[in-house]
Amino acid sequence: MMMGGVLLAVYLFASAPPPLAEGSDSDAQRISVQTVFEMCFAENAAARKLYTEHIVASGSNVGLKFDENWREAGVEAGPLPALFLRETARSLEKHDLHSRRLGLYLGSDFPVRPSNRFSGAAAEAFAQMRKDRSPRFFYMADVKLHAAMFPDVASANACVECHNRHADSPKRDWQLGDVMGAVTWTYPAASVSVTEALDVLAALRAGIAAAYGGYLDKARTFTHAPHIGEQWPSNGYFLPTTSVFMTALEYRTSKATLDRFLASR
């Protein structure tokens, strides 16, 4: 990893300073919330890809199970990729970021769960995004939140097959490459200080770590529990620790996040 990526990782996980006093020189430099959304999306997309390819896909090959009802007692399975995102979102709900909250959810115009159907300004933005597959940045006046919407494309057969056969799915002809929905982020402010931007990124990584840690907690209860350590499912009936998983994520994202952050200055 490049030294810059290492420095960002150190800030996010080990040595983040306390919030600076309002009016300090560092707070004078503002970063647009659009830039923050773009950094968050890239980090979260990398986490989902890592989880989907190296935990779900490889794990399925060695006997690990993944199910939408993974939290229920007696279900010996982990969360599907979309539910992994939901677990990250739940963790973010607990973070108080300067009396603000970073929102994250996965919505669609054909959701399995009716509560995930877009409405209002979000529905209008998604309809436009379907036409050109470009991200949308907009303001939701009714809830006073700035929002960013990024296309969620069907990139794996497992996602397509799951939605096409699900009993509650309103659409049964999804294909690879289809825009199945959108990852949407919300935040109350149009711009943030350097400190706040770093705190948002740290909260996101903590949320991802909590989501993966929740899966490990469930895996430890399995009748035939996988060994949890430094090895990955590609090596056998194993799962990496949260630390190993997050280190792999940091390696994939820290340099790009730092470069984007510096470019915004």
Foldseek 3Di string as FASTA:
>chain_A
DDPQLVVLVCCLPPNVDDDDDPPDPQQVQKFFVVLLVVLLVVLLVLLLVCCVVFAVVLLVVQPAAEDCPLVDPPRRHAHDSQVLQVQLQVLQVPDQQVVKGKGKHWAACFDLDPVRHDDDPRNVQVVVCQVPQDKDWDADVVVQKTKIKHFDFQADPVVLCCLLPDPSTPDNDDDGGHRGTIMMIIINDRIGGPSSSSVNVSSSLVSSLSSVVVRLVSLVPDPPRADEDQDTSNVHSYHYHSVNSSVVSSVVRSVVSSVSVVVRD
